[in-house]
């Protein structure tokens, strides 16, 4: 966690221009139960659609906190410009948040400027390495929930985002990693794990979202077994500075097939 100066409630190292440009692609999260898009996730891209990796490679430790803030601002600006009516999900790095109240100010400012309702913001915890300060992460999630934001734990069930985090965290959503989703329609071991997750999430009062859904059979199996909220190439690929085409006819057909 970085130690930066705070001035009038703002985190000074989180402010300033970046030495490179970037933009966002938007991928929908759908609900087969209601046959509609419920959220869009903002995914970083280069100005001409270059991969997220090509942009993240430019983010030095010195720029990490500034980049985190810039991503939030860019995502909200674009979502507003595109006329998005669904919730907007933004990824954040716990170690790029020094103090939740200070580091949220730029997000609140741009939301007010463009008229984006803060209750339609979702913050996804993304972490490429094991969370070293779980208490810090708990404080961020609790602070964001108290501000009226929705929180989500990304890539659940693979790598470092695992069950131990749920002993101290209470996110609103768990996004099930693709590693557990792929081939779930024909894999009894994955099916057993996913059924257990449905039961666990129900007891903890947490919504489940399946990530990386790539086939109709996967979508239907998940929908029939308590995971109707889904994201993946089967439903729609990320669209650069654009929203998905009309998905309702296809989603309605899937709902009828459940």
Protein backbone atom coordinates (compact mmCIF):
# COMPACT_ATOMS: atom_id res chain seq x y z
CA UNK A 1 0.00 0.00 0.00
CA UNK A 2 1.45 3.36 -0.94
CA UNK A 3 1.90 6.21 1.49
CA UNK A 4 0.92 9.43 -0.22
CA UNK A 5 0.10 12.88 0.98
CA UNK A 6 -3.54 13.81 1.37
CA UNK A 7 -4.68 17.38 0.75
CA UNK A 8 -8.24 18.50 1.39
CA UNK A 9 -9.43 14.89 1.24
CA UNK A 10 -7.62 14.12 -2.01
CA UNK A 11 -4.79 11.70 -2.64
CA UNK A 12 -2.12 13.76 -4.41
CA UNK A 13 -0.27 10.81 -6.01
CA UNK A 14 -3.56 9.69 -7.59
CA UNK A 15 -3.83 12.94 -9.57
CA UNK A 16 -2.10 14.13 -12.73
CA UNK A 17 -1.77 13.23 -16.41
CA UNK A 18 -0.53 9.90 -17.75
CA UNK A 19 2.28 9.77 -20.34
CA UNK A 20 0.21 7.51 -22.62
CA UNK A 21 -3.35 7.31 -23.88
CA UNK A 22 -5.88 4.52 -23.49
CA UNK A 23 -9.58 3.89 -23.80
CA UNK A 24 -12.20 1.31 -22.76
CA UNK A 25 -14.10 -1.57 -24.29
CA UNK A 26 -17.39 -2.64 -22.73
CA UNK A 27 -18.57 -6.23 -22.29
CA UNK A 28 -22.09 -6.97 -21.04
CA UNK A 29 -23.07 -9.14 -18.10
CA UNK A 30 -26.44 -10.73 -18.79
CA UNK A 31 -29.17 -12.30 -16.71
CA UNK A 32 -30.92 -15.23 -18.38
CA UNK A 33 -33.70 -15.05 -15.82
CA UNK A 34 -34.79 -11.59 -16.95
CA UNK A 35 -33.36 -11.94 -20.49
CA UNK A 36 -31.53 -8.63 -20.34
CA UNK A 37 -28.18 -6.98 -19.86
CA UNK A 38 -27.71 -5.95 -16.24
CA UNK A 39 -24.15 -4.54 -16.19
CA UNK A 40 -21.30 -3.59 -18.49
CA UNK A 41 -17.71 -4.22 -17.46
CA UNK A 42 -15.18 -1.60 -18.56
CA UNK A 43 -12.01 -3.20 -19.94
CA UNK A 44 -8.89 -1.17 -20.69
CA UNK A 45 -7.69 -1.03 -24.30
CA UNK A 46 -5.29 1.00 -26.42
CA UNK A 47 -6.69 3.91 -28.47
CA UNK A 48 -6.86 1.70 -31.59
CA UNK A 49 -8.08 -1.36 -29.71
CA UNK A 50 -4.68 -2.63 -28.60
CA UNK A 51 -4.77 -5.30 -25.89
CA UNK A 52 -5.05 -4.57 -22.20
CA UNK A 53 -1.60 -6.10 -21.74
CA UNK A 54 -0.01 -3.58 -24.06
CA UNK A 55 -1.37 -0.75 -21.93
CA UNK A 56 -0.70 -2.33 -18.55
CA UNK A 57 2.93 -2.84 -19.58
CA UNK A 58 3.30 0.94 -19.55
CA UNK A 59 2.01 1.29 -15.99
CA UNK A 60 5.07 1.65 -13.79
CA UNK A 61 4.79 1.51 -9.98
CA UNK A 62 5.00 5.30 -9.95
CA UNK A 63 1.99 5.54 -12.29
CA UNK A 64 -0.14 2.80 -10.72
CA UNK A 65 -2.31 5.02 -8.53
CA UNK A 66 -2.76 7.65 -11.23
CA UNK A 67 -3.71 4.96 -13.75
CA UNK A 68 -6.29 3.46 -11.39
CA UNK A 69 -7.99 6.85 -11.05
CA UNK A 70 -7.77 7.57 -14.77
CA UNK A 71 -9.47 4.25 -15.59
CA UNK A 72 -12.41 5.11 -13.37
CA UNK A 73 -12.80 8.54 -14.93
CA UNK A 74 -12.51 7.29 -18.51
CA UNK A 75 -14.99 4.46 -17.94
CA UNK A 76 -17.63 6.76 -16.44
CA UNK A 77 -17.14 9.43 -19.12
CA UNK A 78 -17.54 6.89 -21.94
CA UNK A 79 -20.48 5.09 -20.34
CA UNK A 80 -22.30 8.39 -19.98
CA UNK A 81 -21.46 9.46 -23.55
CA UNK A 82 -22.77 6.13 -24.90
CA UNK A 83 -26.05 6.49 -23.02
CA UNK A 84 -25.53 3.38 -20.92
CA UNK A 85 -28.55 2.65 -18.71
CA UNK A 86 -27.18 -0.45 -17.02
CA UNK A 87 -24.74 -0.60 -14.12
CA UNK A 88 -21.07 0.02 -14.87
CA UNK A 89 -18.43 -2.31 -13.44
CA UNK A 90 -14.91 -0.94 -12.96
CA UNK A 91 -11.86 -2.95 -11.92
CA UNK A 92 -9.60 -1.64 -9.19
CA UNK A 93 -6.38 -2.70 -7.51
CA UNK A 94 -6.58 -2.72 -3.71
CA UNK A 95 -2.98 -1.54 -3.45
CA UNK A 96 -3.85 1.50 -5.57
CA UNK A 97 -6.28 2.72 -2.91
CA UNK A 98 -4.55 4.50 -0.05
CA UNK A 99 -7.66 5.59 1.83
CA UNK A 100 -11.13 4.89 0.41
CA UNK A 101 -12.65 8.27 1.24
CA UNK A 102 -9.74 10.19 -0.32
CA UNK A 103 -9.24 7.97 -3.36
CA UNK A 104 -12.94 8.00 -4.30
CA UNK A 105 -13.13 11.76 -4.74
CA UNK A 106 -12.23 11.80 -8.44
CA UNK A 107 -14.86 9.11 -9.08
CA UNK A 108 -17.52 11.13 -7.28
CA UNK A 109 -16.51 14.30 -9.10
CA UNK A 110 -16.77 12.83 -12.60
CA UNK A 111 -20.03 11.06 -11.69
CA UNK A 112 -21.53 14.37 -10.61
CA UNK A 113 -20.17 16.16 -13.68
CA UNK A 114 -21.75 13.76 -16.21
CA UNK A 115 -24.82 12.89 -14.12
CA UNK A 116 -23.91 9.25 -13.52
CA UNK A 117 -25.84 7.76 -10.54
CA UNK A 118 -23.29 6.38 -8.09
CA UNK A 119 -25.69 3.55 -7.18
CA UNK A 120 -25.05 2.20 -10.68
CA UNK A 121 -21.32 1.78 -10.05
CA UNK A 122 -19.82 -1.65 -9.36
CA UNK A 123 -16.22 -2.00 -8.20
CA UNK A 124 -14.51 -5.29 -9.00
CA UNK A 125 -11.53 -6.30 -6.91
CA UNK A 126 -8.82 -7.54 -9.24
CA UNK A 127 -5.50 -8.78 -7.89
CA UNK A 128 -2.73 -10.53 -9.78
CA UNK A 129 -0.99 -11.65 -6.63
CA UNK A 130 -2.14 -12.72 -3.21
CA UNK A 131 -3.65 -9.90 -1.18
CA UNK A 132 -1.04 -9.08 1.43
CA UNK A 133 -3.21 -6.79 3.55
CA UNK A 134 -6.62 -8.42 3.80
CA UNK A 135 -7.71 -5.95 6.46
CA UNK A 136 -7.02 -3.08 4.06
CA UNK A 137 -9.13 -4.79 1.39
CA UNK A 138 -11.93 -5.38 3.89
CA UNK A 139 -11.90 -1.69 4.80
CA UNK A 140 -12.15 -0.69 1.14
CA UNK A 141 -15.08 -3.01 0.45
CA UNK A 142 -16.93 -1.95 3.59
CA UNK A 143 -16.34 1.71 2.80
CA UNK A 144 -17.56 1.32 -0.79
CA UNK A 145 -20.66 -0.56 0.32
CA UNK A 146 -21.41 2.16 2.88
CA UNK A 147 -21.22 4.72 0.05
CA UNK A 148 -23.86 2.80 -1.89
CA UNK A 149 -21.56 1.12 -4.43
CA UNK A 150 -21.84 -2.55 -5.38
CA UNK A 151 -18.68 -4.62 -4.88
CA UNK A 152 -17.50 -7.77 -6.65
CA UNK A 153 -14.65 -10.24 -6.20
CA UNK A 154 -13.23 -11.12 -9.61
CA UNK A 155 -11.70 -14.43 -10.83
CA UNK A 156 -13.12 -16.37 -7.90
CA UNK A 157 -12.03 -19.98 -7.63
CA UNK A 158 -8.73 -19.68 -9.44
CA UNK A 159 -5.30 -18.48 -8.39
CA UNK A 160 -5.35 -16.23 -5.36
CA UNK A 161 -9.04 -15.25 -5.24
CA UNK A 162 -10.21 -18.13 -3.10
CA UNK A 163 -12.38 -19.17 -0.18
CA UNK A 164 -10.20 -17.72 2.58
CA UNK A 165 -11.08 -14.18 1.46
CA UNK A 166 -14.75 -14.85 2.25
CA UNK A 167 -13.90 -15.30 5.92
CA UNK A 168 -13.33 -11.54 6.18
CA UNK A 169 -14.92 -10.03 3.05
CA UNK A 170 -18.57 -9.59 2.18
CA UNK A 171 -18.72 -8.60 -1.50
CA UNK A 172 -22.10 -8.28 -3.20
CA UNK A 173 -20.98 -10.44 -6.13
CA UNK A 174 -18.59 -13.28 -6.86
CA UNK A 175 -17.40 -13.67 -10.43
CA UNK A 176 -16.59 -17.32 -11.06
CA UNK A 177 -13.36 -17.76 -12.99
CA UNK A 178 -13.40 -19.27 -16.48
CA UNK A 179 -11.29 -22.17 -15.21
CA UNK A 180 -14.37 -23.49 -13.38
CA UNK A 181 -16.85 -22.56 -16.11
CA UNK A 182 -15.30 -24.08 -19.24
CA UNK A 183 -16.90 -27.36 -20.21
CA UNK A 184 -19.14 -27.33 -17.14
CA UNK A 185 -21.98 -28.88 -19.14
CA UNK A 186 -19.92 -32.07 -19.51
CA UNK A 187 -17.59 -32.16 -16.52
CA UNK A 188 -18.91 -33.74 -13.32
CA UNK A 189 -16.11 -32.33 -11.17
CA UNK A 190 -16.75 -28.77 -12.27
CA UNK A 191 -20.47 -29.36 -11.84
CA UNK A 192 -19.95 -30.48 -8.24
CA UNK A 193 -17.84 -27.40 -7.46
CA UNK A 194 -20.32 -25.03 -9.10
CA UNK A 195 -23.28 -26.54 -7.23
CA UNK A 196 -21.35 -26.07 -3.99
CA UNK A 197 -20.67 -22.43 -4.90
CA UNK A 198 -24.37 -21.85 -5.55
CA UNK A 199 -25.18 -23.21 -2.09
CA UNK A 200 -22.38 -21.20 -0.46
CA UNK A 201 -23.35 -17.96 -2.17
CA UNK A 202 -26.96 -18.47 -1.18
CA UNK A 203 -26.05 -18.85 2.48
CA UNK A 204 -23.78 -15.79 2.39
CA UNK A 205 -26.22 -13.62 0.46
CA UNK A 206 -23.88 -13.11 -2.51
CA UNK A 207 -24.78 -13.04 -6.22
CA UNK A 208 -22.85 -15.30 -8.57
CA UNK A 209 -21.71 -14.37 -12.07
CA UNK A 210 -20.08 -16.92 -14.37
CA UNK A 211 -17.18 -15.47 -16.36
CA UNK A 212 -15.89 -16.71 -19.69
CA UNK A 213 -19.06 -18.41 -20.95
CA UNK A 214 -18.20 -19.45 -24.50
CA UNK A 215 -20.84 -22.00 -25.55
CA UNK A 216 -24.60 -22.35 -25.51
CA UNK A 217 -24.35 -25.60 -23.57
CA UNK A 218 -22.32 -23.92 -20.84
CA UNK A 219 -24.82 -21.04 -20.65
CA UNK A 220 -27.79 -23.40 -20.37
CA UNK A 221 -26.19 -25.70 -17.78
CA UNK A 222 -25.27 -22.71 -15.61
CA UNK A 223 -28.70 -21.17 -15.97
CA UNK A 224 -30.43 -24.43 -15.06
CA UNK A 225 -28.28 -24.85 -11.96
CA UNK A 226 -28.65 -21.49 -10.29
CA UNK A 227 -26.18 -19.26 -12.17
CA UNK A 228 -28.23 -17.24 -14.68
CA UNK A 229 -25.96 -14.19 -14.51
CA UNK A 230 -23.19 -14.64 -17.04
CA UNK A 231 -20.46 -12.92 -19.03
CA UNK A 232 -18.47 -14.22 -21.97
CA UNK A 233 -17.86 -14.38 -25.70
CA UNK A 234 -20.95 -16.55 -26.23
CA UNK A 235 -23.14 -13.61 -25.24
CA UNK A 236 -20.99 -10.75 -26.57
CA UNK A 237 -17.36 -9.80 -27.03
CA UNK A 238 -15.97 -6.55 -25.61
CA UNK A 239 -16.77 -3.64 -27.93
CA UNK A 240 -14.34 -0.74 -28.22
CA UNK A 241 -16.02 2.44 -26.97
CA UNK A 242 -19.37 0.82 -27.83
CA UNK A 243 -22.25 -1.06 -26.24
CA UNK A 244 -23.49 -4.49 -27.29
CA UNK A 245 -26.10 -4.89 -30.04
CA UNK A 246 -29.61 -5.95 -29.05
CA UNK A 247 -29.19 -9.21 -27.13
CA UNK A 248 -32.76 -9.56 -25.88
CA UNK A 249 -34.06 -11.93 -28.61
CA UNK A 250 -31.21 -14.38 -28.03
CA UNK A 251 -31.50 -14.09 -24.26
CA UNK A 252 -35.23 -14.66 -24.43
CA UNK A 253 -34.65 -17.84 -26.43
CA UNK A 254 -32.17 -19.06 -23.81
CA UNK A 255 -34.62 -18.30 -21.02
CA UNK A 256 -37.25 -20.41 -22.77
CA UNK A 257 -34.75 -23.25 -23.10
CA UNK A 258 -33.91 -23.31 -19.39
